[in-house]
Structures are given as C-alpha cells and as structure tokens.
Amino acid sequence: MSVIYLLISISIVVAVFFFFAFVRAVKTGQYDDDYTPSVRMLFDDELVKKEKDEPIQKKP
C-alpha cells in the first residue's frame, strides 16, 4: 500500500513540473505563430478569385 502512496506523490510532482514548464513556455511566446501571418498574403488572392468565379444569382 505504501508503494501506491509513493507513486501518487511522484506523479503529482511530475505533473506540477510539466504544468509549470507549460506555463513558462506560453509566457515566453513559445507557441506564437510567426509563420502564418507572413504567408497569409500569398493565399488571400485565391479566396478573392473563388468569390469572383461564382455566378451571381438573381433575385426573383
């Protein structure tokens, strides 16, 4: 039974460590997306072309 208490306490310590590592990574900008904004302008033209290619529907 004492082994279960030991394993639970170790798992809690490891979980707290990973939580603090995750919070630190988020605060330092590790997950910021720097690539997509620079490429987004290349794909904007495709969206405009698709909208222009659609036929205009007349209202009855």
PDB file of N, CA and C in Angstrom:
ATOM      1  N   MET A   1       0.823  -1.199   0.000  1.00  0.00           N
ATOM      2  CA  MET A   1       0.000   0.000   0.000  1.00  0.00           C
ATOM      3  C   MET A   1       0.866   1.263   0.000  1.00  0.00           C
ATOM      4  N   SER A   2       2.018   1.172   0.632  1.00  0.00           N
ATOM      5  CA  SER A   2       2.893   2.347   0.688  1.00  0.00           C
ATOM      6  C   SER A   2       3.466   2.670  -0.701  1.00  0.00           C
ATOM      7  N   VAL A   3       3.558   1.671  -1.573  1.00  0.00           N
ATOM      8  CA  VAL A   3       4.054   1.906  -2.925  1.00  0.00           C
ATOM      9  C   VAL A   3       3.073   2.778  -3.700  1.00  0.00           C
ATOM     10  N   ILE A   4       1.783   2.590  -3.478  1.00  0.00           N
ATOM     11  CA  ILE A   4       0.775   3.402  -4.161  1.00  0.00           C
ATOM     12  C   ILE A   4       0.905   4.862  -3.739  1.00  0.00           C
ATOM     13  N   TYR A   5       1.103   5.103  -2.465  1.00  0.00           N
ATOM     14  CA  TYR A   5       1.284   6.484  -1.993  1.00  0.00           C
ATOM     15  C   TYR A   5       2.536   7.099  -2.593  1.00  0.00           C
ATOM     16  N   LEU A   6       3.586   6.328  -2.704  1.00  0.00           N
ATOM     17  CA  LEU A   6       4.826   6.819  -3.298  1.00  0.00           C
ATOM     18  C   LEU A   6       4.619   7.155  -4.777  1.00  0.00           C
ATOM     19  N   LEU A   7       3.954   6.282  -5.515  1.00  0.00           N
ATOM     20  CA  LEU A   7       3.724   6.534  -6.934  1.00  0.00           C
ATOM     21  C   LEU A   7       2.799   7.723  -7.169  1.00  0.00           C
ATOM     22  N   ILE A   8       1.770   7.867  -6.345  1.00  0.00           N
ATOM     23  CA  ILE A   8       0.865   9.012  -6.479  1.00  0.00           C
ATOM     24  C   ILE A   8       1.603  10.310  -6.194  1.00  0.00           C
ATOM     25  N   SER A   9       2.434  10.334  -5.163  1.00  0.00           N
ATOM     26  CA  SER A   9       3.170  11.567  -4.843  1.00  0.00           C
ATOM     27  C   SER A   9       4.170  11.908  -5.939  1.00  0.00           C
ATOM     28  N   ILE A  10       4.850  10.903  -6.495  1.00  0.00           N
ATOM     29  CA  ILE A  10       5.798  11.163  -7.583  1.00  0.00           C
ATOM     30  C   ILE A  10       5.066  11.657  -8.826  1.00  0.00           C
ATOM     31  N   SER A  11       3.917  11.081  -9.131  1.00  0.00           N
ATOM     32  CA  SER A  11       3.167  11.519 -10.311  1.00  0.00           C
ATOM     33  C   SER A  11       2.642  12.941 -10.144  1.00  0.00           C
ATOM     34  N   ILE A  12       2.267  13.313  -8.943  1.00  0.00           N
ATOM     35  CA  ILE A  12       1.824  14.689  -8.700  1.00  0.00           C
ATOM     36  C   ILE A  12       2.982  15.661  -8.887  1.00  0.00           C
ATOM     37  N   VAL A  13       4.160  15.291  -8.405  1.00  0.00           N
ATOM     38  CA  VAL A  13       5.339  16.151  -8.571  1.00  0.00           C
ATOM     39  C   VAL A  13       5.683  16.309 -10.047  1.00  0.00           C
ATOM     40  N   VAL A  14       5.625  15.234 -10.801  1.00  0.00           N
ATOM     41  CA  VAL A  14       5.926  15.297 -12.241  1.00  0.00           C
ATOM     42  C   VAL A  14       4.867  16.135 -12.963  1.00  0.00           C
ATOM     43  N   ALA A  15       3.601  15.981 -12.602  1.00  0.00           N
ATOM     44  CA  ALA A  15       2.525  16.759 -13.231  1.00  0.00           C
ATOM     45  C   ALA A  15       2.694  18.245 -12.942  1.00  0.00           C
ATOM     46  N   VAL A  16       3.053  18.596 -11.726  1.00  0.00           N
ATOM     47  CA  VAL A  16       3.271  20.006 -11.381  1.00  0.00           C
ATOM     48  C   VAL A  16       4.453  20.566 -12.159  1.00  0.00           C
ATOM     49  N   PHE A  17       5.507  19.769 -12.308  1.00  0.00           N
ATOM     50  CA  PHE A  17       6.665  20.213 -13.079  1.00  0.00           C
ATOM     51  C   PHE A  17       6.284  20.507 -14.528  1.00  0.00           C
ATOM     52  N   PHE A  18       5.535  19.594 -15.160  1.00  0.00           N
ATOM     53  CA  PHE A  18       5.125  19.811 -16.549  1.00  0.00           C
ATOM     54  C   PHE A  18       4.161  20.983 -16.671  1.00  0.00           C
ATOM     55  N   PHE A  19       3.312  21.200 -15.684  1.00  0.00           N
ATOM     56  CA  PHE A  19       2.403  22.347 -15.718  1.00  0.00           C
ATOM     57  C   PHE A  19       3.188  23.648 -15.682  1.00  0.00           C
ATOM     58  N   PHE A  20       4.175  23.752 -14.792  1.00  0.00           N
ATOM     59  CA  PHE A  20       4.978  24.973 -14.729  1.00  0.00           C
ATOM     60  C   PHE A  20       5.821  25.157 -15.992  1.00  0.00           C
ATOM     61  N   ALA A  21       6.302  24.066 -16.572  1.00  0.00           N
ATOM     62  CA  ALA A  21       7.050  24.172 -17.827  1.00  0.00           C
ATOM     63  C   ALA A  21       6.140  24.672 -18.944  1.00  0.00           C
ATOM     64  N   PHE A  22       4.894  24.202 -18.984  1.00  0.00           N
ATOM     65  CA  PHE A  22       3.948  24.656 -19.997  1.00  0.00           C
ATOM     66  C   PHE A  22       3.608  26.140 -19.814  1.00  0.00           C
ATOM     67  N   VAL A  23       3.363  26.555 -18.572  1.00  0.00           N
ATOM     68  CA  VAL A  23       3.040  27.964 -18.312  1.00  0.00           C
ATOM     69  C   VAL A  23       4.212  28.853 -18.699  1.00  0.00           C
ATOM     70  N   ARG A  24       5.427  28.420 -18.404  1.00  0.00           N
ATOM     71  CA  ARG A  24       6.603  29.213 -18.766  1.00  0.00           C
ATOM     72  C   ARG A  24       6.750  29.309 -20.282  1.00  0.00           C
ATOM     73  N   ALA A  25       6.482  28.220 -20.996  1.00  0.00           N
ATOM     74  CA  ALA A  25       6.591  28.230 -22.457  1.00  0.00           C
ATOM     75  C   ALA A  25       5.554  29.162 -23.067  1.00  0.00           C
ATOM     76  N   VAL A  26       4.355  29.196 -22.517  1.00  0.00           N
ATOM     77  CA  VAL A  26       3.313  30.085 -23.043  1.00  0.00           C
ATOM     78  C   VAL A  26       3.673  31.542 -22.779  1.00  0.00           C
ATOM     79  N   LYS A  27       4.198  31.832 -21.600  1.00  0.00           N
ATOM     80  CA  LYS A  27       4.546  33.218 -21.267  1.00  0.00           C
ATOM     81  C   LYS A  27       5.726  33.742 -22.084  1.00  0.00           C
ATOM     82  N   THR A  28       6.632  32.860 -22.469  1.00  0.00           N
ATOM     83  CA  THR A  28       7.791  33.317 -23.245  1.00  0.00           C
ATOM     84  C   THR A  28       7.521  33.334 -24.742  1.00  0.00           C
ATOM     85  N   GLY A  29       6.302  32.956 -25.155  1.00  0.00           N
ATOM     86  CA  GLY A  29       5.944  33.043 -26.565  1.00  0.00           C
ATOM     87  C   GLY A  29       6.352  31.840 -27.387  1.00  0.00           C
ATOM     88  N   GLN A  30       6.535  30.713 -26.748  1.00  0.00           N
ATOM     89  CA  GLN A  30       6.951  29.513 -27.461  1.00  0.00           C
ATOM     90  C   GLN A  30       5.913  29.066 -28.483  1.00  0.00           C
ATOM     91  N   TYR A  31       4.636  29.319 -28.202  1.00  0.00           N
ATOM     92  CA  TYR A  31       3.575  28.850 -29.080  1.00  0.00           C
ATOM     93  C   TYR A  31       3.038  29.943 -29.999  1.00  0.00           C
ATOM     94  N   ASP A  32       3.700  31.077 -30.087  1.00  0.00           N
ATOM     95  CA  ASP A  32       3.270  32.128 -31.002  1.00  0.00           C
ATOM     96  C   ASP A  32       3.522  31.687 -32.439  1.00  0.00           C
ATOM     97  N   ASP A  33       2.600  32.023 -33.298  1.00  0.00           N
ATOM     98  CA  ASP A  33       2.706  31.620 -34.700  1.00  0.00           C
ATOM     99  C   ASP A  33       3.304  32.770 -35.497  1.00  0.00           C
ATOM    100  N   ASP A  34       4.562  32.629 -35.859  1.00  0.00           N
ATOM    101  CA  ASP A  34       5.248  33.661 -36.632  1.00  0.00           C
ATOM    102  C   ASP A  34       5.207  33.383 -38.125  1.00  0.00           C
ATOM    103  N   TYR A  35       4.872  32.177 -38.509  1.00  0.00           N
ATOM    104  CA  TYR A  35       4.940  31.793 -39.921  1.00  0.00           C
ATOM    105  C   TYR A  35       3.671  32.144 -40.693  1.00  0.00           C
ATOM    106  N   THR A  36       2.516  31.897 -40.124  1.00  0.00           N
ATOM    107  CA  THR A  36       1.258  32.068 -40.846  1.00  0.00           C
ATOM    108  C   THR A  36       1.008  33.503 -41.308  1.00  0.00           C
ATOM    109  N   PRO A  37       1.230  34.533 -40.482  1.00  0.00           N
ATOM    110  CA  PRO A  37       0.970  35.889 -40.992  1.00  0.00           C
ATOM    111  C   PRO A  37       1.813  36.259 -42.206  1.00  0.00           C
ATOM    112  N   SER A  38       3.025  35.751 -42.299  1.00  0.00           N
ATOM    113  CA  SER A  38       3.870  36.096 -43.445  1.00  0.00           C
ATOM    114  C   SER A  38       3.431  35.385 -44.719  1.00  0.00           C
ATOM    115  N   VAL A  39       2.728  34.282 -44.597  1.00  0.00           N
ATOM    116  CA  VAL A  39       2.309  33.514 -45.770  1.00  0.00           C
ATOM    117  C   VAL A  39       0.848  33.803 -46.116  1.00  0.00           C
ATOM    118  N   ARG A  40       0.099  34.367 -45.198  1.00  0.00           N
ATOM    119  CA  ARG A  40      -1.333  34.588 -45.416  1.00  0.00           C
ATOM    120  C   ARG A  40      -1.596  35.468 -46.636  1.00  0.00           C
ATOM    121  N   MET A  41      -0.738  36.440 -46.890  1.00  0.00           N
ATOM    122  CA  MET A  41      -0.979  37.323 -48.032  1.00  0.00           C
ATOM    123  C   MET A  41      -0.833  36.573 -49.354  1.00  0.00           C
ATOM    124  N   LEU A  42      -0.097  35.461 -49.381  1.00  0.00           N
ATOM    125  CA  LEU A  42       0.039  34.691 -50.611  1.00  0.00           C
ATOM    126  C   LEU A  42      -1.231  33.929 -50.949  1.00  0.00           C
ATOM    127  N   PHE A  43      -2.028  33.588 -49.939  1.00  0.00           N
ATOM    128  CA  PHE A  43      -3.230  32.809 -50.152  1.00  0.00           C
ATOM    129  C   PHE A  43      -4.498  33.652 -50.216  1.00  0.00           C
ATOM    130  N   ASP A  44      -4.410  34.945 -49.945  1.00  0.00           N
ATOM    131  CA  ASP A  44      -5.577  35.817 -49.996  1.00  0.00           C
ATOM    132  C   ASP A  44      -6.125  35.935 -51.412  1.00  0.00           C
ATOM    133  N   ASP A  45      -5.261  35.924 -52.422  1.00  0.00           N
ATOM    134  CA  ASP A  45      -5.708  36.058 -53.802  1.00  0.00           C
ATOM    135  C   ASP A  45      -6.588  34.884 -54.230  1.00  0.00           C
ATOM    136  N   GLU A  46      -6.293  33.701 -53.757  1.00  0.00           N
ATOM    137  CA  GLU A  46      -7.096  32.542 -54.115  1.00  0.00           C
ATOM    138  C   GLU A  46      -8.521  32.675 -53.593  1.00  0.00           C
ATOM    139  N   LEU A  47      -8.677  33.244 -52.410  1.00  0.00           N
ATOM    140  CA  LEU A  47     -10.015  33.432 -51.859  1.00  0.00           C
ATOM    141  C   LEU A  47     -10.808  34.441 -52.681  1.00  0.00           C
ATOM    142  N   VAL A  48     -10.156  35.486 -53.149  1.00  0.00           N
ATOM    143  CA  VAL A  48     -10.834  36.501 -53.949  1.00  0.00           C
ATOM    144  C   VAL A  48     -11.241  35.924 -55.298  1.00  0.00           C
ATOM    145  N   LYS A  49     -10.398  35.122 -55.916  1.00  0.00           N
ATOM    146  CA  LYS A  49     -10.720  34.523 -57.207  1.00  0.00           C
ATOM    147  C   LYS A  49     -11.911  33.585 -57.105  1.00  0.00           C
ATOM    148  N   LYS A  50     -11.998  32.830 -56.036  1.00  0.00           N
ATOM    149  CA  LYS A  50     -13.117  31.910 -55.873  1.00  0.00           C
ATOM    150  C   LYS A  50     -14.427  32.666 -55.731  1.00  0.00           C
ATOM    151  N   GLU A  51     -14.398  33.790 -55.037  1.00  0.00           N
ATOM    152  CA  GLU A  51     -15.617  34.577 -54.882  1.00  0.00           C
ATOM    153  C   GLU A  51     -16.051  35.185 -56.209  1.00  0.00           C
ATOM    154  N   LYS A  52     -15.110  35.583 -57.053  1.00  0.00           N
ATOM    155  CA  LYS A  52     -15.454  36.202 -58.342  1.00  0.00           C
ATOM    156  C   LYS A  52     -15.947  35.162 -59.345  1.00  0.00           C
ATOM    157  N   ASP A  53     -15.478  33.927 -59.234  1.00  0.00           N
ATOM    158  CA  ASP A  53     -15.864  32.883 -60.166  1.00  0.00           C
ATOM    159  C   ASP A  53     -17.285  32.385 -59.946  1.00  0.00           C
ATOM    160  N   GLU A  54     -17.857  32.595 -58.791  1.00  0.00           N
ATOM    161  CA  GLU A  54     -19.201  32.115 -58.518  1.00  0.00           C
ATOM    162  C   GLU A  54     -20.210  32.952 -59.306  1.00  0.00           C
ATOM    163  N   PRO A  55     -21.202  32.321 -59.907  1.00  0.00           N
ATOM    164  CA  PRO A  55     -22.204  33.081 -60.663  1.00  0.00           C
ATOM    165  C   PRO A  55     -23.091  33.907 -59.717  1.00  0.00           C
ATOM    166  N   ILE A  56     -23.530  35.014 -60.228  1.00  0.00           N
ATOM    167  CA  ILE A  56     -24.400  35.889 -59.456  1.00  0.00           C
ATOM    168  C   ILE A  56     -25.836  35.396 -59.619  1.00  0.00           C
ATOM    169  N   GLN A  57     -26.484  35.208 -58.501  1.00  0.00           N
ATOM    170  CA  GLN A  57     -27.869  34.732 -58.551  1.00  0.00           C
ATOM    171  C   GLN A  57     -28.798  35.931 -58.532  1.00  0.00           C
ATOM    172  N   LYS A  58     -29.780  35.894 -59.432  1.00  0.00           N
ATOM    173  CA  LYS A  58     -30.749  36.982 -59.495  1.00  0.00           C
ATOM    174  C   LYS A  58     -31.879  36.706 -58.520  1.00  0.00           C
ATOM    175  N   LYS A  59     -32.358  37.761 -57.916  1.00  0.00           N
ATOM    176  CA  LYS A  59     -33.494  37.622 -57.002  1.00  0.00           C
ATOM    177  C   LYS A  59     -34.773  37.600 -57.818  1.00  0.00           C
ATOM    178  N   PRO A  60     -35.729  36.740 -57.473  1.00  0.00           N
ATOM    179  CA  PRO A  60     -36.977  36.676 -58.253  1.00  0.00           C
ATOM    180  C   PRO A  60     -37.878  37.866 -58.012  1.00  0.00           C
TER     181      PRO A  60
END
